[in-house]
């Protein structure tokens, strides 16, 4: 029995992903569906200072789905340093929807303000999670609890595009999240 349990544990950890000192699970739940790990990496400021480790999970039932398609997805960030809530909001405001036409970006502003109001000062090892479910919206999880769900596929597209879009905050980080680096 112990040997069987050890084999099961080994099988589970073989497909997990090591990012920094964290092991990201190969699968996570999003509602009634499973998401599969696509990739993970560490975002560095100026290529030197580690800001956070992150993982990307996409709908396990749609393996060919792109990261910005209207499918279930999850981005999880584990912070490596303390960051003030105001700085998180400022960075999100500066990057959310920057590649969108002005009218589309303007339409996102009330939901962006709603997201920015949810931010709290983070400390080392704090976790922030965004999970998008089509037809429901993007849930924002802080310290293990969902604090709000922001509606709209357009909002999810703009939010996830910060890291996964054609003009991401860091191209190498994008590749790591997509598992292509």
Protein backbone atom coordinates (compact mmCIF):
# COMPACT_ATOMS: atom_id res chain seq x y z
CA UNK A 1 0.00 0.00 0.00
CA UNK A 2 2.80 2.42 0.89
CA UNK A 3 4.62 1.57 -2.35
CA UNK A 4 1.46 2.27 -4.38
CA UNK A 5 1.03 5.64 -2.64
CA UNK A 6 4.67 6.50 -3.35
CA UNK A 7 4.23 5.62 -7.03
CA UNK A 8 1.10 7.76 -7.24
CA UNK A 9 2.92 10.68 -5.64
CA UNK A 10 5.85 10.29 -8.02
CA UNK A 11 3.48 10.27 -11.01
CA UNK A 12 1.85 13.49 -9.82
CA UNK A 13 5.12 15.32 -9.32
CA UNK A 14 6.63 14.25 -12.65
CA UNK A 15 4.38 16.63 -14.58
CA UNK A 16 4.48 19.45 -12.03
CA UNK A 17 6.60 22.49 -12.86
CA UNK A 18 9.34 23.98 -10.70
CA UNK A 19 9.42 27.80 -10.76
CA UNK A 20 11.77 29.45 -8.30
CA UNK A 21 11.36 27.51 -5.07
CA UNK A 22 7.71 26.68 -5.83
CA UNK A 23 6.31 23.53 -7.43
CA UNK A 24 3.28 24.36 -9.58
CA UNK A 25 0.73 21.55 -9.95
CA UNK A 26 0.12 20.13 -13.39
CA UNK A 27 -3.66 20.60 -13.02
CA UNK A 28 -5.94 23.00 -11.15
CA UNK A 29 -9.72 23.27 -11.01
CA UNK A 30 -11.65 26.17 -12.52
CA UNK A 31 -15.28 25.61 -11.72
CA UNK A 32 -16.17 22.12 -12.88
CA UNK A 33 -13.31 21.93 -15.38
CA UNK A 34 -9.62 21.17 -15.16
CA UNK A 35 -6.87 23.47 -16.32
CA UNK A 36 -3.46 22.11 -17.38
CA UNK A 37 -0.16 23.85 -16.68
CA UNK A 38 1.21 25.54 -19.78
CA UNK A 39 4.34 27.08 -18.30
CA UNK A 40 5.82 29.28 -15.63
CA UNK A 41 8.62 31.69 -14.97
CA UNK A 42 10.04 34.54 -12.96
CA UNK A 43 9.44 38.17 -13.88
CA UNK A 44 12.54 40.26 -13.29
CA UNK A 45 12.72 44.04 -13.17
CA UNK A 46 15.55 45.32 -15.37
CA UNK A 47 16.46 41.68 -15.88
CA UNK A 48 17.96 41.54 -12.38
CA UNK A 49 15.50 41.82 -9.49
CA UNK A 50 12.98 38.97 -9.18
CA UNK A 51 9.50 40.45 -8.68
CA UNK A 52 7.33 37.33 -8.77
CA UNK A 53 7.10 33.74 -9.93
CA UNK A 54 4.06 32.86 -11.99
CA UNK A 55 2.31 29.97 -13.65
CA UNK A 56 -0.22 29.77 -16.47
CA UNK A 57 -2.89 27.09 -16.71
CA UNK A 58 -5.24 26.71 -19.70
CA UNK A 59 -8.38 24.67 -20.34
CA UNK A 60 -7.24 21.03 -20.31
CA UNK A 61 -10.05 20.10 -22.69
CA UNK A 62 -8.77 22.52 -25.34
CA UNK A 63 -5.02 21.89 -25.63
CA UNK A 64 -4.69 23.91 -28.84
CA UNK A 65 -6.29 27.00 -27.30
CA UNK A 66 -4.28 30.19 -27.33
CA UNK A 67 -3.63 32.07 -24.09
CA UNK A 68 -5.91 34.96 -25.07
CA UNK A 69 -8.72 32.85 -26.53
CA UNK A 70 -12.08 32.93 -24.76
CA UNK A 71 -11.30 29.79 -22.71
CA UNK A 72 -10.81 29.06 -19.03
CA UNK A 73 -7.39 30.18 -17.83
CA UNK A 74 -5.52 30.98 -14.67
CA UNK A 75 -2.48 33.08 -13.85
CA UNK A 76 -1.00 32.69 -10.39
CA UNK A 77 1.64 35.06 -9.01
CA UNK A 78 3.78 34.43 -5.94
CA UNK A 79 5.58 37.62 -4.98
CA UNK A 80 9.27 37.54 -4.16
CA UNK A 81 9.29 41.00 -2.59
CA UNK A 82 6.96 43.48 -0.96
CA UNK A 83 5.05 45.82 -3.26
CA UNK A 84 2.64 48.58 -2.28
CA UNK A 85 -0.95 48.30 -3.49
CA UNK A 86 -0.64 51.72 -5.15
CA UNK A 87 2.31 50.45 -7.20
CA UNK A 88 0.36 47.37 -8.31
CA UNK A 89 -2.56 49.58 -9.38
CA UNK A 90 -0.24 51.99 -11.18
CA UNK A 91 1.45 49.17 -13.11
CA UNK A 92 -1.88 47.59 -14.04
CA UNK A 93 -3.31 50.93 -15.18
CA UNK A 94 -0.25 51.61 -17.31
CA UNK A 95 -0.33 48.26 -19.07
CA UNK A 96 -3.95 47.04 -19.22
CA UNK A 97 -5.31 47.44 -22.70
CA UNK A 98 -2.36 49.50 -23.95
CA UNK A 99 -2.55 47.77 -27.34
CA UNK A 100 -6.31 48.36 -27.64
CA UNK A 101 -7.97 51.22 -29.52
CA UNK A 102 -8.82 54.19 -27.29
CA UNK A 103 -12.59 53.47 -27.25
CA UNK A 104 -12.07 49.87 -26.11
CA UNK A 105 -9.59 50.96 -23.45
CA UNK A 106 -12.06 53.59 -22.20
CA UNK A 107 -14.78 50.93 -21.92
CA UNK A 108 -12.50 48.96 -19.57
CA UNK A 109 -11.87 51.86 -17.17
CA UNK A 110 -14.68 51.16 -14.66
CA UNK A 111 -13.61 47.51 -14.39
CA UNK A 112 -9.95 48.51 -14.17
CA UNK A 113 -10.82 50.82 -11.27
CA UNK A 114 -12.69 47.93 -9.64
CA UNK A 115 -9.62 45.68 -9.98
CA UNK A 116 -7.26 48.35 -8.69
CA UNK A 117 -9.46 48.84 -5.60
CA UNK A 118 -8.96 45.15 -4.76
CA UNK A 119 -5.18 45.35 -4.53
CA UNK A 120 -3.59 45.21 -1.10
CA UNK A 121 0.05 45.67 -0.16
CA UNK A 122 1.82 42.39 -0.85
CA UNK A 123 4.63 40.83 1.12
CA UNK A 124 7.14 38.22 0.08
CA UNK A 125 5.36 34.88 -0.69
CA UNK A 126 1.88 36.46 -0.99
CA UNK A 127 -0.17 34.96 -3.81
CA UNK A 128 -2.46 36.72 -6.29
CA UNK A 129 -4.54 34.67 -8.74
CA UNK A 130 -6.61 35.65 -11.77
CA UNK A 131 -8.94 32.92 -13.10
CA UNK A 132 -11.12 33.56 -16.13
CA UNK A 133 -14.26 31.52 -16.84
CA UNK A 134 -16.16 32.36 -20.07
CA UNK A 135 -19.59 33.79 -19.40
CA UNK A 136 -18.71 34.43 -15.73
CA UNK A 137 -15.66 36.70 -15.69
CA UNK A 138 -12.25 36.99 -14.09
CA UNK A 139 -12.09 36.07 -10.44
CA UNK A 140 -9.50 37.82 -8.32
CA UNK A 141 -8.10 35.72 -5.49
CA UNK A 142 -6.07 37.32 -2.73
CA UNK A 143 -4.56 35.28 0.11
CA UNK A 144 -6.52 32.19 -0.90
CA UNK A 145 -9.97 33.81 -1.08
CA UNK A 146 -11.88 35.09 -4.10
CA UNK A 147 -12.54 38.77 -3.39
CA UNK A 148 -14.41 39.67 -6.58
CA UNK A 149 -15.26 38.53 -10.09
CA UNK A 150 -14.97 41.12 -12.84
CA UNK A 151 -17.20 40.43 -15.86
CA UNK A 152 -16.34 40.48 -19.52
CA UNK A 153 -14.28 38.53 -22.03
CA UNK A 154 -12.89 41.90 -23.17
CA UNK A 155 -11.59 42.62 -19.67
CA UNK A 156 -10.02 39.15 -19.39
CA UNK A 157 -8.36 39.59 -22.78
CA UNK A 158 -6.86 42.95 -21.79
CA UNK A 159 -5.76 41.72 -18.35
CA UNK A 160 -4.10 38.52 -19.54
CA UNK A 161 -2.55 40.39 -22.49
CA UNK A 162 -0.37 42.29 -20.00
CA UNK A 163 1.74 39.12 -19.74
CA UNK A 164 0.59 37.05 -22.73
CA UNK A 165 -0.31 39.51 -25.48
CA UNK A 166 1.61 40.65 -28.54
CA UNK A 167 3.26 43.46 -26.53
CA UNK A 168 3.79 41.86 -23.09
CA UNK A 169 5.62 43.43 -20.14
CA UNK A 170 8.49 41.01 -20.82
CA UNK A 171 8.92 38.82 -23.90
CA UNK A 172 11.05 36.22 -22.15
CA UNK A 173 8.56 35.95 -19.32
CA UNK A 174 5.76 35.47 -21.87
CA UNK A 175 7.70 32.62 -23.48
CA UNK A 176 8.23 31.00 -20.08
CA UNK A 177 4.51 31.21 -19.26
CA UNK A 178 3.67 29.66 -22.61
CA UNK A 179 6.26 26.93 -22.09
CA UNK A 180 8.19 27.94 -25.20
CA UNK A 181 11.41 29.23 -23.66
